[in-house]
Amino acid sequence: MKLIPYLIFQGNAKEAIDFYSKALAAEILMVQTFGDMPQNPHSPIPEPVLDKIAHSHLRIGESELMLFDAFPGTPITIGNNVTVCIMVSDAEKARAVYNALAEGGQIKHALEETFFSPAFGTVTDRFGITFTISAEAKKT
């Protein structure tokens, strides 16, 4: 069994896929638009929705991430009840990931050394997704 975060966007999932593929060196495993899906003649998908993301799957290191665009009319509340934690091997990598995600976003907790990590910080990216970045503590 594994858990995979599934992020929901308001029409900008394609932009988020591009952003995460660069910021997190994510490998794009699959992208499917609503237009790629089999169409139901009794419930056609509106033209402006056809190029929106129905499902995507990314691999980031040993982890995975899925994201899609909510169908128009589906209410989305961007909140603070979920944070995606990115664990990296060292402070330099933490700084690079933190800075990439902070571009166009908002710093919640400055990246700094703590008693449990050589580099720990929290940022909300330009899509409203909050990430906690933490470098693994060196084993002594």
Protein backbone atom coordinates (compact mmCIF):
# COMPACT_ATOMS: atom_id res chain seq x y z
CA MET A 1 0.00 0.00 0.00
CA LYS A 2 1.13 3.56 -0.62
CA LEU A 3 -0.34 7.01 -0.15
CA ILE A 4 -0.18 9.52 -2.99
CA PRO A 5 -1.21 13.16 -2.52
CA TYR A 6 -3.85 14.16 -5.09
CA LEU A 7 -3.96 17.92 -5.62
CA ILE A 8 -7.01 19.65 -7.09
CA PHE A 9 -6.66 22.85 -9.12
CA GLN A 10 -9.04 25.45 -10.50
CA GLY A 11 -8.14 25.24 -14.18
CA ASN A 12 -4.38 25.70 -13.87
CA ALA A 13 -3.20 22.11 -13.32
CA LYS A 14 -1.26 22.16 -16.61
CA GLU A 15 0.73 25.15 -15.36
CA ALA A 16 1.27 23.39 -12.01
CA ILE A 17 2.58 20.26 -13.79
CA ASP A 18 5.13 22.38 -15.67
CA PHE A 19 6.06 24.23 -12.49
CA TYR A 20 6.54 21.09 -10.37
CA SER A 21 8.44 19.30 -13.13
CA LYS A 22 11.00 22.11 -13.00
CA ALA A 23 10.92 23.07 -9.29
CA LEU A 24 10.98 19.48 -8.01
CA ALA A 25 12.64 17.73 -10.99
CA ALA A 26 9.43 15.71 -11.35
CA GLU A 27 9.12 13.07 -14.04
CA ILE A 28 5.75 13.34 -15.79
CA LEU A 29 4.38 9.80 -15.92
CA MET A 30 0.96 10.60 -17.40
CA VAL A 31 -1.25 13.52 -18.34
CA GLN A 32 -4.84 13.08 -19.52
CA THR A 33 -7.12 15.96 -20.47
CA PHE A 34 -10.91 15.91 -20.35
CA GLY A 35 -10.73 15.91 -24.16
CA ASP A 36 -8.74 12.65 -24.08
CA MET A 37 -11.55 10.90 -22.22
CA PRO A 38 -14.31 8.96 -23.98
CA GLN A 39 -17.17 11.37 -24.62
CA ASN A 40 -20.73 10.73 -23.51
CA PRO A 41 -23.12 12.10 -26.17
CA HIS A 42 -25.80 12.56 -23.48
CA SER A 43 -23.49 14.68 -21.33
CA PRO A 44 -20.92 16.36 -23.58
CA ILE A 45 -17.91 18.05 -22.02
CA PRO A 46 -18.00 21.81 -22.69
CA GLU A 47 -15.44 23.04 -25.23
CA PRO A 48 -13.49 25.26 -22.75
CA VAL A 49 -12.94 22.24 -20.47
CA LEU A 50 -11.52 19.85 -23.09
CA ASP A 51 -7.91 20.99 -22.61
CA LYS A 52 -8.09 20.94 -18.79
CA ILE A 53 -6.37 18.16 -16.84
CA ALA A 54 -8.61 15.23 -15.88
CA HIS A 55 -5.72 13.25 -14.34
CA SER A 56 -1.94 13.46 -14.12
CA HIS A 57 0.72 11.47 -12.35
CA LEU A 58 4.22 12.67 -11.48
CA ARG A 59 7.21 10.93 -9.92
CA ILE A 60 9.40 13.03 -7.67
CA GLY A 61 12.40 11.06 -6.49
CA GLU A 62 10.93 8.01 -4.73
CA SER A 63 7.54 9.69 -4.26
CA GLU A 64 4.52 10.31 -6.43
CA LEU A 65 2.06 13.15 -6.86
CA MET A 66 -1.23 13.29 -8.75
CA LEU A 67 -3.14 16.39 -9.76
CA PHE A 68 -6.14 17.45 -11.81
CA ASP A 69 -8.46 20.35 -12.59
CA ALA A 70 -11.81 20.37 -10.83
CA PHE A 71 -14.69 20.26 -13.29
CA PRO A 72 -16.25 23.73 -13.63
CA GLY A 73 -18.92 24.26 -11.01
CA THR A 74 -17.19 22.02 -8.48
CA PRO A 75 -16.44 24.16 -5.42
CA ILE A 76 -12.80 24.19 -4.35
CA THR A 77 -11.68 25.67 -1.06
CA ILE A 78 -8.00 26.41 -0.83
CA GLY A 79 -7.16 25.81 2.81
CA ASN A 80 -4.46 25.13 5.30
CA ASN A 81 -5.44 21.65 6.42
CA VAL A 82 -2.97 19.77 4.23
CA THR A 83 0.76 20.32 3.86
CA VAL A 84 3.00 18.27 1.59
CA CYS A 85 6.32 17.53 3.31
CA ILE A 86 9.37 17.18 1.09
CA MET A 87 12.27 15.40 2.78
CA VAL A 88 15.65 15.91 1.13
CA SER A 89 19.11 14.61 1.92
CA ASP A 90 20.87 17.87 2.79
CA ALA A 91 20.51 21.60 3.45
CA GLU A 92 21.71 22.60 -0.02
CA LYS A 93 18.98 20.54 -1.70
CA ALA A 94 16.43 21.90 0.81
CA ARG A 95 17.43 25.46 -0.11
CA ALA A 96 17.10 24.77 -3.85
CA VAL A 97 13.63 23.19 -3.51
CA TYR A 98 12.46 25.87 -1.04
CA ASN A 99 13.59 28.72 -3.32
CA ALA A 100 12.01 27.14 -6.41
CA LEU A 101 8.64 26.66 -4.70
CA ALA A 102 8.75 30.13 -3.11
CA GLU A 103 8.99 31.80 -6.53
CA GLY A 104 5.67 33.58 -6.93
CA GLY A 105 4.48 32.11 -3.63
CA GLN A 106 4.50 33.10 0.02
CA ILE A 107 7.04 32.18 2.69
CA LYS A 108 5.30 30.85 5.80
CA HIS A 109 8.39 29.84 7.79
CA ALA A 110 11.86 30.90 6.70
CA LEU A 111 14.24 28.09 5.85
CA GLU A 112 16.52 27.70 8.85
CA GLU A 113 18.44 25.22 10.94
CA THR A 114 16.41 23.68 13.77
CA PHE A 115 17.14 21.16 16.50
CA PHE A 116 15.70 18.40 14.28
CA SER A 117 16.88 19.47 10.82
CA PRO A 118 19.81 21.33 9.25
CA ALA A 119 17.27 23.13 7.01
CA PHE A 120 13.53 23.39 7.66
CA GLY A 121 10.96 25.80 6.22
CA THR A 122 7.43 26.16 4.91
CA VAL A 123 6.23 27.90 1.77
CA THR A 124 2.88 28.22 0.04
CA ASP A 125 3.48 28.09 -3.70
CA ARG A 126 1.77 30.26 -6.30
CA PHE A 127 -1.04 27.68 -6.60
CA GLY A 128 -1.93 27.85 -2.89
CA ILE A 129 -0.33 24.48 -2.04
CA THR A 130 1.70 24.54 1.19
CA PHE A 131 4.96 22.61 1.28
CA THR A 132 7.17 21.92 4.28
CA ILE A 133 10.76 21.31 3.23
CA SER A 134 13.06 19.47 5.63
CA ALA A 135 16.61 18.21 5.24
CA GLU A 136 17.35 14.93 6.97
CA ALA A 137 19.41 15.29 10.14
CA LYS A 138 22.94 13.98 9.86
CA LYS A 139 23.42 10.76 11.77
CA THR A 140 26.14 10.97 14.37
